[in-house]
């Protein structure tokens, strides 16, 4: 099995088969929770991770913020790695959107 690199949409180049799949994908309005492709993706994600449900988010940045908003309230602080993406590359979204103060801790390979 080959690893899937999801760090950026510029890393992976779609094959012709992938382009056909995108063009042929059944779509619906995501605002009204009517996109069957997203529903299948979430179901597959839940199945692969052994969870009862999964939520598709459009970016890793969004995922990081949603994860911390789930665990923190406005005015809380969150300990994050000093080299973490959320601290160094996400433009202060955690503070701006959630009112959460990131506190940097020295880490080794993402392990605090």
C-alpha atoms as a PDB file:
ATOM      1  CA  UNK A   1       0.000   0.000   0.000  1.00  0.00           C
ATOM      2  CA  UNK A   2       1.281   3.478  -0.865  1.00  0.00           C
ATOM      3  CA  UNK A   3       0.918   6.389   1.569  1.00  0.00           C
ATOM      4  CA  UNK A   4      -1.462   9.177   0.595  1.00  0.00           C
ATOM      5  CA  UNK A   5       0.151  12.607   0.811  1.00  0.00           C
ATOM      6  CA  UNK A   6      -2.546  15.178   1.620  1.00  0.00           C
ATOM      7  CA  UNK A   7      -0.335  18.049   2.718  1.00  0.00           C
ATOM      8  CA  UNK A   8      -1.288  20.150  -0.312  1.00  0.00           C
ATOM      9  CA  UNK A   9      -3.294  19.966  -3.499  1.00  0.00           C
ATOM     10  CA  UNK A  10      -0.101  20.929  -5.328  1.00  0.00           C
ATOM     11  CA  UNK A  11       1.731  17.742  -4.290  1.00  0.00           C
ATOM     12  CA  UNK A  12      -0.483  15.209  -6.037  1.00  0.00           C
ATOM     13  CA  UNK A  13      -1.126  15.373  -9.763  1.00  0.00           C
ATOM     14  CA  UNK A  14      -4.441  13.804 -10.808  1.00  0.00           C
ATOM     15  CA  UNK A  15      -4.296  10.942 -13.286  1.00  0.00           C
ATOM     16  CA  UNK A  16      -6.694  10.729 -16.231  1.00  0.00           C
ATOM     17  CA  UNK A  17      -8.736   8.209 -14.237  1.00  0.00           C
ATOM     18  CA  UNK A  18      -8.957  10.676 -11.346  1.00  0.00           C
ATOM     19  CA  UNK A  19     -10.016  13.469 -13.716  1.00  0.00           C
ATOM     20  CA  UNK A  20     -12.747  11.229 -15.182  1.00  0.00           C
ATOM     21  CA  UNK A  21     -13.956  10.353 -11.696  1.00  0.00           C
ATOM     22  CA  UNK A  22     -14.164  14.057 -10.807  1.00  0.00           C
ATOM     23  CA  UNK A  23     -16.025  14.876 -14.016  1.00  0.00           C
ATOM     24  CA  UNK A  24     -18.457  11.983 -13.532  1.00  0.00           C
ATOM     25  CA  UNK A  25     -19.025  12.481  -9.798  1.00  0.00           C
ATOM     26  CA  UNK A  26     -22.607  12.825  -8.666  1.00  0.00           C
ATOM     27  CA  UNK A  27     -22.921  16.171  -6.898  1.00  0.00           C
ATOM     28  CA  UNK A  28     -25.472  17.991  -4.802  1.00  0.00           C
ATOM     29  CA  UNK A  29     -25.735  21.151  -2.752  1.00  0.00           C
ATOM     30  CA  UNK A  30     -23.469  20.874   0.284  1.00  0.00           C
ATOM     31  CA  UNK A  31     -25.164  23.828   2.006  1.00  0.00           C
ATOM     32  CA  UNK A  32     -28.358  21.775   2.200  1.00  0.00           C
ATOM     33  CA  UNK A  33     -26.482  18.559   3.071  1.00  0.00           C
ATOM     34  CA  UNK A  34     -27.445  17.073  -0.299  1.00  0.00           C
ATOM     35  CA  UNK A  35     -24.067  16.053  -1.745  1.00  0.00           C
ATOM     36  CA  UNK A  36     -23.997  12.247  -2.053  1.00  0.00           C
ATOM     37  CA  UNK A  37     -20.280  12.211  -2.865  1.00  0.00           C
ATOM     38  CA  UNK A  38     -19.456  13.989   0.400  1.00  0.00           C
ATOM     39  CA  UNK A  39     -21.804  11.637   2.278  1.00  0.00           C
ATOM     40  CA  UNK A  40     -19.971   8.608   0.845  1.00  0.00           C
ATOM     41  CA  UNK A  41     -16.578  10.144   1.663  1.00  0.00           C
ATOM     42  CA  UNK A  42     -17.629  10.763   5.270  1.00  0.00           C
ATOM     43  CA  UNK A  43     -19.036   7.234   5.581  1.00  0.00           C
ATOM     44  CA  UNK A  44     -15.801   5.770   4.210  1.00  0.00           C
ATOM     45  CA  UNK A  45     -13.712   7.901   6.574  1.00  0.00           C
ATOM     46  CA  UNK A  46     -15.776   6.747   9.545  1.00  0.00           C
ATOM     47  CA  UNK A  47     -15.486   3.129   8.442  1.00  0.00           C
ATOM     48  CA  UNK A  48     -11.714   3.317   7.921  1.00  0.00           C
ATOM     49  CA  UNK A  49     -11.170   4.827  11.362  1.00  0.00           C
ATOM     50  CA  UNK A  50     -13.703   2.673  13.184  1.00  0.00           C
ATOM     51  CA  UNK A  51     -15.838   5.656  14.198  1.00  0.00           C
ATOM     52  CA  UNK A  52     -19.599   6.049  13.970  1.00  0.00           C
ATOM     53  CA  UNK A  53     -19.344   9.245  11.897  1.00  0.00           C
ATOM     54  CA  UNK A  54     -16.855  11.500  10.136  1.00  0.00           C
ATOM     55  CA  UNK A  55     -16.941  15.116   8.986  1.00  0.00           C
ATOM     56  CA  UNK A  56     -15.392  16.295   5.722  1.00  0.00           C
ATOM     57  CA  UNK A  57     -13.653  19.650   6.023  1.00  0.00           C
ATOM     58  CA  UNK A  58     -12.218  21.527   3.083  1.00  0.00           C
ATOM     59  CA  UNK A  59      -8.720  22.017   4.509  1.00  0.00           C
ATOM     60  CA  UNK A  60      -6.331  20.965   7.226  1.00  0.00           C
ATOM     61  CA  UNK A  61      -6.451  24.509   8.594  1.00  0.00           C
ATOM     62  CA  UNK A  62     -10.212  24.203   8.985  1.00  0.00           C
ATOM     63  CA  UNK A  63      -9.760  20.803  10.616  1.00  0.00           C
ATOM     64  CA  UNK A  64      -7.258  22.169  13.130  1.00  0.00           C
ATOM     65  CA  UNK A  65      -9.543  25.046  14.112  1.00  0.00           C
ATOM     66  CA  UNK A  66     -12.647  22.834  14.371  1.00  0.00           C
ATOM     67  CA  UNK A  67     -10.727  20.334  16.515  1.00  0.00           C
ATOM     68  CA  UNK A  68      -9.594  23.010  18.961  1.00  0.00           C
ATOM     69  CA  UNK A  69     -13.020  24.711  19.015  1.00  0.00           C
ATOM     70  CA  UNK A  70     -14.424  21.329  20.036  1.00  0.00           C
ATOM     71  CA  UNK A  71     -12.173  21.205  23.093  1.00  0.00           C
ATOM     72  CA  UNK A  72     -11.752  24.875  24.037  1.00  0.00           C
ATOM     73  CA  UNK A  73     -13.986  27.840  24.822  1.00  0.00           C
ATOM     74  CA  UNK A  74     -13.423  31.501  23.962  1.00  0.00           C
ATOM     75  CA  UNK A  75     -10.730  32.830  26.282  1.00  0.00           C
ATOM     76  CA  UNK A  76      -9.050  29.445  26.793  1.00  0.00           C
ATOM     77  CA  UNK A  77      -5.429  28.726  25.965  1.00  0.00           C
ATOM     78  CA  UNK A  78      -4.305  25.704  23.968  1.00  0.00           C
ATOM     79  CA  UNK A  79      -0.825  24.206  24.196  1.00  0.00           C
ATOM     80  CA  UNK A  80       0.513  23.612  20.691  1.00  0.00           C
ATOM     81  CA  UNK A  81       3.896  22.559  19.369  1.00  0.00           C
ATOM     82  CA  UNK A  82       6.367  25.362  18.719  1.00  0.00           C
ATOM     83  CA  UNK A  83       6.840  24.084  15.164  1.00  0.00           C
ATOM     84  CA  UNK A  84       3.165  23.251  14.586  1.00  0.00           C
ATOM     85  CA  UNK A  85       1.270  24.269  11.485  1.00  0.00           C
ATOM     86  CA  UNK A  86      -1.544  25.833  13.514  1.00  0.00           C
ATOM     87  CA  UNK A  87       0.911  28.154  15.263  1.00  0.00           C
ATOM     88  CA  UNK A  88       3.175  29.071  12.359  1.00  0.00           C
ATOM     89  CA  UNK A  89       1.128  28.906   9.159  1.00  0.00           C
ATOM     90  CA  UNK A  90      -2.546  29.444   9.882  1.00  0.00           C
ATOM     91  CA  UNK A  91      -2.612  33.219  10.166  1.00  0.00           C
ATOM     92  CA  UNK A  92      -3.949  33.514  13.709  1.00  0.00           C
ATOM     93  CA  UNK A  93      -7.275  31.878  12.829  1.00  0.00           C
ATOM     94  CA  UNK A  94      -7.416  30.141  16.196  1.00  0.00           C
ATOM     95  CA  UNK A  95      -7.386  33.489  18.014  1.00  0.00           C
ATOM     96  CA  UNK A  96      -9.444  35.402  15.460  1.00  0.00           C
ATOM     97  CA  UNK A  97     -12.208  32.826  15.042  1.00  0.00           C
ATOM     98  CA  UNK A  98     -12.205  31.049  18.384  1.00  0.00           C
ATOM     99  CA  UNK A  99     -10.732  33.526  20.827  1.00  0.00           C
ATOM    100  CA  UNK A 100      -8.268  30.798  21.801  1.00  0.00           C
ATOM    101  CA  UNK A 101      -4.691  31.705  22.715  1.00  0.00           C
ATOM    102  CA  UNK A 102      -2.105  29.259  21.361  1.00  0.00           C
ATOM    103  CA  UNK A 103       0.773  28.668  23.779  1.00  0.00           C
ATOM    104  CA  UNK A 104       3.897  27.255  22.161  1.00  0.00           C
ATOM    105  CA  UNK A 105       5.637  24.297  23.771  1.00  0.00           C
ATOM    106  CA  UNK A 106       8.896  22.808  22.570  1.00  0.00           C
ATOM    107  CA  UNK A 107       8.169  19.561  20.817  1.00  0.00           C
ATOM    108  CA  UNK A 108       9.978  16.733  19.127  1.00  0.00           C
ATOM    109  CA  UNK A 109       8.430  15.637  15.832  1.00  0.00           C
ATOM    110  CA  UNK A 110       4.986  16.850  16.885  1.00  0.00           C
ATOM    111  CA  UNK A 111       5.103  15.121  20.279  1.00  0.00           C
ATOM    112  CA  UNK A 112       4.777  17.415  23.286  1.00  0.00           C
END
